[in-house]
Amino acid sequence: VQLVESGGGLVQPGGSLRLSCAASGFTFSTYAVSWYRQAPGKEREVIAVISVAGGTTNYADSVRGRFAVSRDNAKNTAYLQMNNLQPEDTAVYFCGTAGVWGQGTLVTVSS
C-alpha cells in the first residue's frame, strides 16, 4: 500500500504547479482523497478533498478559487492543480487516502 506525491518545486509568486499522487497496492477508486500541507513551524492542514468518483470537492478557504483537485481512477492517481501561488503556500504537500500517507513533496514559492 503506497502513495507517492510528485510535482513540487520552486516557483515564483503568481506561478502554477500541478502535484500528482500515485496510489498502488489498494483499490484507489473506492476511497476519497485528501490533500494536506504543512508549512514550517505549523500544523498539517487539510486543503482539498475529492470524493470517490470525483463529483464532489471541498477546499479550505485559503486555497479556494486558486487550487483544483481532480482524480483519474483508471490511473490510480489524484492531482492538485495550484494556480496563483503565493509565498504563504510554501509547504510540504501530502496526499492521504485509505489511512495511508505519502512522503510529501515540497513546494516553495519565492522570487
Protein backbone atom coordinates (compact mmCIF):
# COMPACT_ATOMS: atom_id res chain seq x y z
CA VAL A 1 0.00 0.00 0.00
CA GLN A 2 1.67 3.18 -1.13
CA LEU A 3 1.08 6.79 -2.11
CA VAL A 4 3.74 8.78 -3.90
CA GLU A 5 3.46 12.53 -4.41
CA SER A 6 5.38 14.36 -7.10
CA GLY A 7 5.42 17.68 -8.92
CA GLY A 8 6.68 20.01 -6.23
CA GLY A 9 9.43 22.53 -6.77
CA LEU A 10 10.38 26.18 -6.72
CA VAL A 11 8.01 28.62 -8.36
CA GLN A 12 7.72 32.39 -8.45
CA PRO A 13 4.71 34.17 -6.92
CA GLY A 14 1.80 34.02 -9.31
CA GLY A 15 3.04 30.81 -10.84
CA SER A 16 1.45 27.37 -11.09
CA LEU A 17 2.29 23.79 -10.25
CA ARG A 18 0.48 20.50 -10.65
CA LEU A 19 1.01 17.88 -7.99
CA SER A 20 0.33 14.19 -8.55
CA CYS A 21 -0.49 11.46 -6.04
CA ALA A 22 0.07 7.96 -7.41
CA ALA A 23 -1.51 5.08 -5.49
CA SER A 24 -0.67 1.40 -5.52
CA GLY A 25 -1.49 -1.70 -3.54
CA PHE A 26 -5.15 -1.00 -2.83
CA THR A 27 -8.41 -0.18 -4.59
CA PHE A 28 -7.83 3.53 -5.05
CA SER A 29 -11.19 4.11 -6.72
CA THR A 30 -13.16 3.25 -3.58
CA TYR A 31 -11.68 5.97 -1.36
CA ALA A 32 -11.95 9.72 -1.14
CA VAL A 33 -8.63 11.51 -1.38
CA SER A 34 -7.42 14.44 0.67
CA TRP A 35 -4.59 16.85 0.07
CA TYR A 36 -2.82 18.37 3.05
CA ARG A 37 0.04 20.73 3.57
CA GLN A 38 2.39 21.53 6.39
CA ALA A 39 4.26 24.79 6.43
CA PRO A 40 7.42 25.26 8.51
CA GLY A 41 6.52 25.59 12.16
CA LYS A 42 2.83 24.97 11.55
CA GLU A 43 0.45 22.07 11.91
CA ARG A 44 -0.65 19.98 8.97
CA GLU A 45 -3.88 21.30 7.46
CA VAL A 46 -6.31 19.76 5.03
CA ILE A 47 -6.71 21.91 1.94
CA ALA A 48 -8.72 19.85 -0.53
CA VAL A 49 -10.85 16.72 -0.61
CA ILE A 50 -12.28 14.85 -3.57
CA SER A 51 -14.96 12.17 -3.44
CA VAL A 52 -14.67 8.63 -4.75
CA ALA A 53 -15.96 9.38 -8.22
CA GLY A 54 -14.64 12.92 -8.27
CA GLY A 55 -18.01 14.60 -8.38
CA THR A 56 -17.67 16.40 -5.07
CA THR A 57 -14.77 18.56 -4.00
CA ASN A 58 -14.15 20.74 -0.97
CA TYR A 59 -11.45 23.30 -0.30
CA ALA A 60 -10.01 25.24 2.57
CA ASP A 61 -10.72 28.95 2.42
CA SER A 62 -7.03 29.63 1.96
CA VAL A 63 -6.91 27.88 -1.42
CA ARG A 64 -10.46 28.05 -2.75
CA GLY A 65 -10.54 29.60 -6.21
CA ARG A 66 -6.83 29.01 -6.79
CA PHE A 67 -6.42 25.24 -6.34
CA ALA A 68 -8.33 22.43 -8.03
CA VAL A 69 -8.32 18.78 -7.05
CA SER A 70 -9.08 16.02 -9.53
CA ARG A 71 -8.55 12.30 -9.94
CA ASP A 72 -8.19 9.66 -12.62
CA ASN A 73 -9.27 6.35 -11.15
CA ALA A 74 -8.14 4.48 -14.25
CA LYS A 75 -4.59 5.67 -13.49
CA ASN A 76 -4.90 5.38 -9.69
CA THR A 77 -3.80 8.99 -9.46
CA ALA A 78 -5.08 12.18 -7.89
CA TYR A 79 -3.95 15.67 -8.83
CA LEU A 80 -3.77 19.10 -7.27
CA GLN A 81 -3.58 21.99 -9.71
CA MET A 82 -2.25 25.06 -7.93
CA ASN A 83 -2.54 28.45 -9.56
CA ASN A 84 -1.58 31.95 -8.49
CA LEU A 85 0.79 30.55 -5.88
CA GLN A 86 1.90 32.88 -3.13
CA PRO A 87 4.76 32.72 -0.62
CA GLU A 88 2.33 31.61 2.09
CA ASP A 89 1.65 28.48 0.05
CA THR A 90 5.19 27.30 0.74
CA ALA A 91 4.86 23.93 2.47
CA VAL A 92 5.27 20.21 2.14
CA TYR A 93 2.20 18.85 0.39
CA PHE A 94 0.83 15.39 1.16
CA CYS A 95 -1.97 13.24 -0.14
CA GLY A 96 -3.85 10.83 2.05
CA THR A 97 -6.42 8.11 1.49
CA ALA A 98 -7.46 4.80 2.98
CA GLY A 99 -5.42 5.57 6.08
CA VAL A 100 -2.25 5.90 4.02
CA TRP A 101 0.03 8.94 3.65
CA GLY A 102 2.56 9.77 1.06
CA GLN A 103 6.02 11.10 1.84
CA GLY A 104 5.14 14.59 0.69
CA THR A 105 6.51 16.93 -1.95
CA LEU A 106 7.98 20.34 -1.19
CA VAL A 107 6.52 23.44 -2.79
CA THR A 108 8.49 26.65 -2.41
CA VAL A 109 7.07 29.93 -3.64
CA SER A 110 9.69 32.63 -3.80
CA SER A 111 11.02 35.30 -6.09
